[in-house]
Amino acid sequence: MNKDEGSGPKPRLHLFGYLDETGLLHTPETDRFFGIGLVAVPNPRHLHRAIIRLKNKHKFHEEFHFNSIKYSSLPIYKSLIDITFAEPNLRFSIQIIDKKGKNHANKYKSYNKYAGQVISSILDVTNVKRSEYITILADDVSTSDKEDKFEHDVRETIKRIHRRNALFGIARLESHAVSEIQLADILVSSVAYAFKMKNSLVSKSSTKAKLVRYIQNKINTYELATNMELRLKNGVYFAIKTK
């Protein structure tokens, strides 16, 4: 009699995720778009070494930051994008929130909800035969002790969506110390900038716009300012969702 292959617990895959955001939830609607996104990999050492090699090659000792992109530094940012989409099984997911007509009276609660949703969206997207768990390194956000329910709220959101405690833990760090959080900033901010371009809120000929178009060409899509879910070469997963 053959053993039932479907019996017993699923094998586990442990992911490391890097969370960052762009914009603020509580600013006026004139600053329309808030984005929160996540880069996740099963082999963080491989990605980290690739980024360090890139920095050493270009003698680049600064922090990768979307707002710091200028014409002279654009080539290394393009190389960072090349590394990103060459990384085996890398995943990226982002939620873009158009604040027009939305009420975020409790900005902390709303932020925590969106963070939990975007982390949940990156789990179990490639292989239903195993259970995925994740450790998050997040860009630090300022909260009062009274309002600091970040890990609790994120964990509860993930448990509600996946019906298991798929979050191992969260560490909040200064982004200048973690190159992978900086990478998340570049991707998150690029997508948000694409939405601003589409709505004529920013220049379409700036250096930042050139990086946006470089990403579009890299993933063979006409625009980033739209909902999408792509499965690319090397097992790369790339998703954008609007709220």
Protein backbone atom coordinates (compact mmCIF):
# COMPACT_ATOMS: atom_id res chain seq x y z
CA MET A 1 0.00 0.00 0.00
CA ASN A 2 1.44 3.38 -1.03
CA LYS A 3 1.95 6.02 1.61
CA ASP A 4 -0.35 8.97 1.21
CA GLU A 5 1.94 11.78 0.05
CA GLY A 6 -0.56 14.36 1.23
CA SER A 7 -0.46 13.27 4.88
CA GLY A 8 1.61 14.92 7.59
CA PRO A 9 2.81 18.50 7.95
CA LYS A 10 4.06 20.40 4.92
CA PRO A 11 7.80 21.08 4.61
CA ARG A 12 8.78 24.63 5.57
CA LEU A 13 10.55 27.38 3.68
CA HIS A 14 12.04 30.26 5.67
CA LEU A 15 12.13 33.66 3.96
CA PHE A 16 13.83 36.88 4.98
CA GLY A 17 11.89 40.03 4.15
CA TYR A 18 12.92 43.68 3.98
CA LEU A 19 10.12 46.21 4.46
CA ASP A 20 10.06 49.89 3.57
CA GLU A 21 7.56 52.59 2.70
CA THR A 22 7.36 55.89 0.88
CA GLY A 23 5.13 58.82 1.72
CA LEU A 24 3.06 59.37 4.85
CA LEU A 25 -0.49 58.31 5.60
CA HIS A 26 -1.40 61.43 7.56
CA THR A 27 -0.23 64.10 5.11
CA PRO A 28 -2.73 66.02 2.93
CA GLU A 29 -4.24 64.47 -0.17
CA THR A 30 -1.94 66.65 -2.27
CA ASP A 31 0.71 64.06 -1.36
CA ARG A 32 -1.57 61.45 -2.88
CA PHE A 33 0.29 58.17 -2.89
CA PHE A 34 1.57 56.11 0.00
CA GLY A 35 3.44 52.91 -0.79
CA ILE A 36 4.57 50.05 1.40
CA GLY A 37 6.48 47.13 -0.03
CA LEU A 38 8.61 44.13 0.70
CA VAL A 39 11.61 42.39 -0.85
CA ALA A 40 11.87 38.75 0.26
CA VAL A 41 14.49 36.10 -0.45
CA PRO A 42 15.18 32.55 0.75
CA ASN A 43 18.96 33.12 0.63
CA PRO A 44 19.78 36.54 2.12
CA ARG A 45 23.53 35.93 2.08
CA HIS A 46 23.57 35.59 -1.71
CA LEU A 47 21.71 38.87 -2.28
CA HIS A 48 23.77 40.70 0.33
CA ARG A 49 27.08 39.65 -1.22
CA ALA A 50 25.89 40.71 -4.67
CA ILE A 51 25.02 44.20 -3.38
CA ILE A 52 28.33 44.53 -1.52
CA ARG A 53 30.28 43.48 -4.63
CA LEU A 54 28.41 46.13 -6.63
CA LYS A 55 29.22 48.85 -4.09
CA ASN A 56 32.88 47.84 -3.95
CA LYS A 57 33.17 47.73 -7.74
CA HIS A 58 31.88 51.29 -8.06
CA LYS A 59 33.55 52.52 -4.83
CA PHE A 60 30.07 53.55 -3.77
CA HIS A 61 30.06 54.27 -0.04
CA GLU A 62 26.71 56.02 0.23
CA GLU A 63 23.27 54.74 1.13
CA PHE A 64 21.08 53.67 -1.78
CA HIS A 65 18.16 56.08 -1.58
CA PHE A 66 15.60 56.98 -4.23
CA ASN A 67 15.63 60.67 -3.36
CA SER A 68 19.41 60.74 -3.81
CA ILE A 69 19.42 59.50 -7.42
CA LYS A 70 21.13 61.90 -9.78
CA TYR A 71 22.46 61.67 -13.31
CA SER A 72 25.98 60.69 -12.23
CA SER A 73 24.75 57.88 -9.95
CA LEU A 74 22.06 56.50 -12.27
CA PRO A 75 24.33 53.75 -13.71
CA ILE A 76 24.90 52.10 -10.32
CA TYR A 77 21.16 52.25 -9.55
CA LYS A 78 20.51 50.52 -12.87
CA SER A 79 23.08 47.89 -11.91
CA LEU A 80 21.26 47.43 -8.60
CA ILE A 81 18.08 46.72 -10.55
CA ASP A 82 19.99 44.20 -12.68
CA ILE A 83 21.14 42.42 -9.52
CA THR A 84 17.60 42.42 -8.15
CA PHE A 85 16.02 40.65 -11.10
CA ALA A 86 18.93 38.23 -11.41
CA GLU A 87 18.52 37.08 -7.79
CA PRO A 88 17.05 33.55 -7.79
CA ASN A 89 13.56 33.33 -6.25
CA LEU A 90 13.47 36.96 -5.13
CA ARG A 91 9.98 38.29 -4.45
CA PHE A 92 8.70 41.84 -4.40
CA SER A 93 5.23 42.98 -3.46
CA ILE A 94 3.89 46.47 -2.89
CA GLN A 95 0.62 48.12 -1.96
CA ILE A 96 0.00 51.61 -3.32
CA ILE A 97 -2.61 53.56 -1.39
CA ASP A 98 -4.24 56.50 -3.11
CA LYS A 99 -5.14 58.70 -0.14
CA LYS A 100 -7.72 60.65 -2.09
CA GLY A 101 -11.05 60.17 -0.31
CA LYS A 102 -9.60 57.88 2.37
CA ASN A 103 -9.56 58.52 6.09
CA HIS A 104 -6.49 57.36 8.02
CA ALA A 105 -7.46 58.88 11.35
CA ASN A 106 -5.27 56.39 13.21
CA LYS A 107 -2.14 56.42 11.06
CA TYR A 108 -0.36 53.79 13.16
CA LYS A 109 -3.21 51.29 12.97
CA SER A 110 -3.57 51.84 9.23
CA TYR A 111 0.18 51.47 8.68
CA ASN A 112 0.26 48.22 10.65
CA LYS A 113 -2.69 46.84 8.67
CA TYR A 114 -1.07 47.61 5.33
CA ALA A 115 2.24 46.14 6.49
CA GLY A 116 0.54 42.90 7.52
CA GLN A 117 -1.30 42.70 4.22
CA VAL A 118 1.77 43.23 2.05
CA ILE A 119 3.80 40.67 4.02
CA SER A 120 0.93 38.19 3.69
CA SER A 121 0.78 38.77 -0.06
CA ILE A 122 4.31 37.47 -0.54
CA LEU A 123 3.82 34.17 1.28
CA ASP A 124 2.74 30.93 -0.41
CA VAL A 125 2.83 32.42 -3.92
CA THR A 126 5.12 29.85 -5.58
CA ASN A 127 4.58 26.45 -4.00
CA VAL A 128 1.41 25.29 -2.27
CA LYS A 129 3.12 22.06 -1.17
CA ARG A 130 5.10 23.79 1.56
CA SER A 131 4.39 26.26 4.33
CA GLU A 132 6.33 29.49 4.22
CA TYR A 133 7.48 31.48 7.24
CA ILE A 134 9.18 34.84 7.29
CA THR A 135 11.46 37.03 9.38
CA ILE A 136 11.09 40.76 8.72
CA LEU A 137 13.71 43.49 8.86
CA ALA A 138 11.81 46.76 8.65
CA ASP A 139 12.84 50.37 8.30
CA ASP A 140 12.34 51.94 11.71
CA VAL A 141 9.28 54.11 12.18
CA SER A 142 8.75 56.54 15.03
CA THR A 143 5.88 55.63 17.34
CA SER A 144 4.94 56.44 20.89
CA ASP A 145 5.10 53.58 23.39
CA LYS A 146 1.31 53.74 23.64
CA GLU A 147 0.85 53.31 19.88
CA ASP A 148 3.63 50.76 19.32
CA LYS A 149 1.60 47.66 18.46
CA PHE A 150 3.41 47.10 15.17
CA GLU A 151 4.56 43.51 15.58
CA HIS A 152 1.33 42.45 17.33
CA ASP A 153 -0.91 43.94 14.63
CA VAL A 154 1.20 42.61 11.76
CA ARG A 155 1.31 39.14 13.29
CA GLU A 156 -2.47 39.07 13.80
CA THR A 157 -3.12 40.17 10.21
CA ILE A 158 -0.87 37.41 8.86
CA LYS A 159 -2.49 34.81 11.13
CA ARG A 160 -5.95 35.86 9.97
CA ILE A 161 -5.02 35.59 6.29
CA HIS A 162 -2.89 32.42 6.38
CA ARG A 163 -4.47 30.69 9.39
CA ARG A 164 -1.09 30.08 10.97
CA ASN A 165 1.58 32.08 12.77
CA ALA A 166 3.81 32.56 9.70
CA LEU A 167 5.82 35.44 11.17
CA PHE A 168 8.95 34.43 13.08
CA GLY A 169 9.66 37.97 14.20
CA ILE A 170 10.31 41.59 13.24
CA ALA A 171 13.40 43.71 13.80
CA ARG A 172 13.18 47.42 13.11
CA LEU A 173 16.46 48.93 12.02
CA GLU A 174 17.86 52.15 10.60
CA SER A 175 17.86 51.70 6.84
CA HIS A 176 21.39 53.07 6.40
CA ALA A 177 22.68 49.91 8.11
CA VAL A 178 20.89 47.42 5.84
CA SER A 179 21.50 47.46 2.08
CA GLU A 180 18.50 45.21 1.45
CA ILE A 181 16.13 47.71 3.09
CA GLN A 182 17.69 50.32 0.83
CA LEU A 183 16.88 48.08 -2.13
CA ALA A 184 13.28 47.90 -0.92
CA ASP A 185 13.26 51.72 -0.82
CA ILE A 186 14.37 51.90 -4.45
CA LEU A 187 11.67 49.52 -5.67
CA VAL A 188 8.88 50.93 -3.49
CA SER A 189 9.71 54.54 -4.35
CA SER A 190 10.07 53.76 -8.06
CA VAL A 191 6.58 52.25 -8.20
CA ALA A 192 5.11 55.17 -6.24
CA TYR A 193 6.88 57.60 -8.56
CA ALA A 194 5.32 55.82 -11.54
CA PHE A 195 1.86 56.50 -10.10
CA LYS A 196 2.80 60.15 -9.59
CA MET A 197 4.02 60.34 -13.20
CA LYS A 198 0.75 58.86 -14.44
CA ASN A 199 -1.18 61.53 -12.54
CA SER A 200 1.12 64.37 -13.68
CA LEU A 201 2.34 65.07 -10.15
CA VAL A 202 6.07 64.79 -10.96
CA SER A 203 8.38 65.20 -13.92
CA LYS A 204 8.37 62.49 -16.58
CA SER A 205 11.87 63.42 -17.75
CA SER A 206 13.76 63.37 -14.43
CA THR A 207 16.54 60.97 -13.51
CA LYS A 208 14.07 59.16 -11.26
CA ALA A 209 11.72 58.74 -14.23
CA LYS A 210 14.59 57.21 -16.19
CA LEU A 211 15.03 54.59 -13.46
CA VAL A 212 11.28 53.88 -13.50
CA ARG A 213 11.43 53.24 -17.24
CA TYR A 214 14.50 51.05 -16.78
CA ILE A 215 12.54 48.84 -14.37
CA GLN A 216 9.61 48.73 -16.81
CA ASN A 217 11.92 47.55 -19.58
CA LYS A 218 13.52 45.03 -17.25
CA ILE A 219 10.20 43.33 -16.54
CA ASN A 220 8.87 43.92 -20.06
CA THR A 221 5.84 45.98 -19.10
CA TYR A 222 4.47 49.22 -20.52
CA GLU A 223 3.92 50.87 -17.13
CA LEU A 224 4.39 50.31 -13.41
CA ALA A 225 1.38 52.38 -12.37
CA THR A 226 -1.09 49.51 -12.49
CA ASN A 227 -2.06 46.31 -10.71
CA MET A 228 0.10 43.39 -11.77
CA GLU A 229 1.37 39.99 -10.70
CA LEU A 230 4.34 38.71 -12.68
CA ARG A 231 6.38 35.55 -12.52
CA LEU A 232 9.68 36.26 -14.19
CA LYS A 233 12.90 34.41 -14.96
CA ASN A 234 14.92 32.86 -12.12
CA GLY A 235 11.75 32.36 -10.09
CA VAL A 236 11.39 36.11 -9.49
CA TYR A 237 7.93 37.26 -8.36
CA PHE A 238 6.85 40.90 -8.81
CA ALA A 239 3.46 42.22 -7.71
CA ILE A 240 1.76 45.62 -7.44
CA LYS A 241 -1.63 46.11 -5.82
CA THR A 242 -3.57 49.34 -5.44
CA LYS A 243 -5.89 50.16 -2.54
